Structure formats: structure tokens, C-alpha cells
Amino acid sequence: MIDPVTQKIAIRMWNEAVAMATHEVEIEKLSAEVARLQAAASEVAPSPEGDAD
């Protein structure tokens, strides 16, 4: 049987790995949302390099 200290360390490492994976998924979702919003904004706003009077 695994000793309690090793078990606590393993559980902590597992929880950290799950948290990191969750953050990666959230980052991917947010990156996709940013790209979508940038595309939508470029459709309604003139380009900064465009003609300025």
C-alpha cells in the first residue's frame, strides 16, 4: 500500500495537472472568442491604416 505522504503528494500533483488542463481549455476558448470579436470589429470599424481626413 502507498504511504500517506506519497498519496497526498500524488493527489496534489493530479489536482494541479487537472487545473492546468482546465486552464488550457479556458485559454483556447478565450482565444477563439478574441479572434471572433476581432473579426467582428474589423467588419464594423475602419482599419487604423485606412484613410484619415
C-alpha atoms as a PDB file:
ATOM      1  CA  MET A   1       0.000   0.000   0.000  1.00  0.00           C
ATOM      2  CA  ILE A   2       1.135   3.548  -0.723  1.00  0.00           C
ATOM      3  CA  ASP A   3       2.209   5.629   2.256  1.00  0.00           C
ATOM      4  CA  PRO A   4       0.002   8.618   3.202  1.00  0.00           C
ATOM      5  CA  VAL A   5       2.621  11.271   2.368  1.00  0.00           C
ATOM      6  CA  THR A   6       3.204   9.878  -1.126  1.00  0.00           C
ATOM      7  CA  GLN A   7      -0.551   9.580  -1.603  1.00  0.00           C
ATOM      8  CA  LYS A   8      -1.081  13.243  -0.620  1.00  0.00           C
ATOM      9  CA  ILE A   9       1.687  14.330  -2.996  1.00  0.00           C
ATOM     10  CA  ALA A  10       0.220  12.245  -5.831  1.00  0.00           C
ATOM     11  CA  ILE A  11      -3.260  13.670  -5.252  1.00  0.00           C
ATOM     12  CA  ARG A  12      -1.877  17.212  -5.163  1.00  0.00           C
ATOM     13  CA  MET A  13       0.039  16.628  -8.401  1.00  0.00           C
ATOM     14  CA  TRP A  14      -3.069  15.151 -10.050  1.00  0.00           C
ATOM     15  CA  ASN A  15      -5.162  18.133  -8.972  1.00  0.00           C
ATOM     16  CA  GLU A  16      -2.533  20.520 -10.351  1.00  0.00           C
ATOM     17  CA  ALA A  17      -2.497  18.650 -13.668  1.00  0.00           C
ATOM     18  CA  VAL A  18      -6.293  18.822 -13.903  1.00  0.00           C
ATOM     19  CA  ALA A  19      -6.226  22.544 -13.077  1.00  0.00           C
ATOM     20  CA  MET A  20      -3.586  23.182 -15.755  1.00  0.00           C
ATOM     21  CA  ALA A  21      -5.573  21.257 -18.366  1.00  0.00           C
ATOM     22  CA  THR A  22      -8.701  23.179 -17.414  1.00  0.00           C
ATOM     23  CA  HIS A  23      -6.837  26.470 -17.779  1.00  0.00           C
ATOM     24  CA  GLU A  24      -5.521  25.420 -21.188  1.00  0.00           C
ATOM     25  CA  VAL A  25      -9.072  24.717 -22.366  1.00  0.00           C
ATOM     26  CA  GLU A  26     -10.257  28.069 -20.999  1.00  0.00           C
ATOM     27  CA  ILE A  27      -7.368  29.854 -22.745  1.00  0.00           C
ATOM     28  CA  GLU A  28      -8.275  28.152 -26.028  1.00  0.00           C
ATOM     29  CA  LYS A  29     -11.928  29.189 -25.626  1.00  0.00           C
ATOM     30  CA  LEU A  30     -10.958  32.764 -24.795  1.00  0.00           C
ATOM     31  CA  SER A  31      -8.504  32.920 -27.701  1.00  0.00           C
ATOM     32  CA  ALA A  32     -11.238  31.784 -30.071  1.00  0.00           C
ATOM     33  CA  GLU A  33     -13.606  34.393 -28.618  1.00  0.00           C
ATOM     34  CA  VAL A  34     -10.970  37.132 -29.026  1.00  0.00           C
ATOM     35  CA  ALA A  35     -10.428  36.124 -32.649  1.00  0.00           C
ATOM     36  CA  ARG A  36     -14.182  36.150 -33.261  1.00  0.00           C
ATOM     37  CA  LEU A  37     -14.559  39.585 -31.677  1.00  0.00           C
ATOM     38  CA  GLN A  38     -11.584  40.959 -33.623  1.00  0.00           C
ATOM     39  CA  ALA A  39     -13.106  39.701 -36.855  1.00  0.00           C
ATOM     40  CA  ALA A  40     -16.468  41.240 -35.982  1.00  0.00           C
ATOM     41  CA  ALA A  41     -14.833  44.536 -35.002  1.00  0.00           C
ATOM     42  CA  SER A  42     -12.872  44.687 -38.255  1.00  0.00           C
ATOM     43  CA  GLU A  43     -16.145  44.398 -40.160  1.00  0.00           C
ATOM     44  CA  VAL A  44     -17.729  47.410 -38.453  1.00  0.00           C
ATOM     45  CA  ALA A  45     -14.721  49.638 -37.746  1.00  0.00           C
ATOM     46  CA  PRO A  46     -12.404  51.187 -40.304  1.00  0.00           C
ATOM     47  CA  SER A  47      -8.843  49.974 -40.369  1.00  0.00           C
ATOM     48  CA  PRO A  48      -6.352  52.153 -38.464  1.00  0.00           C
ATOM     49  CA  GLU A  49      -4.257  52.268 -41.642  1.00  0.00           C
ATOM     50  CA  GLY A  50      -7.258  53.497 -43.607  1.00  0.00           C
ATOM     51  CA  ASP A  51      -7.875  56.994 -44.974  1.00  0.00           C
ATOM     52  CA  ALA A  52      -7.767  59.607 -42.238  1.00  0.00           C
ATOM     53  CA  ASP A  53      -9.056  63.071 -43.018  1.00  0.00           C
END
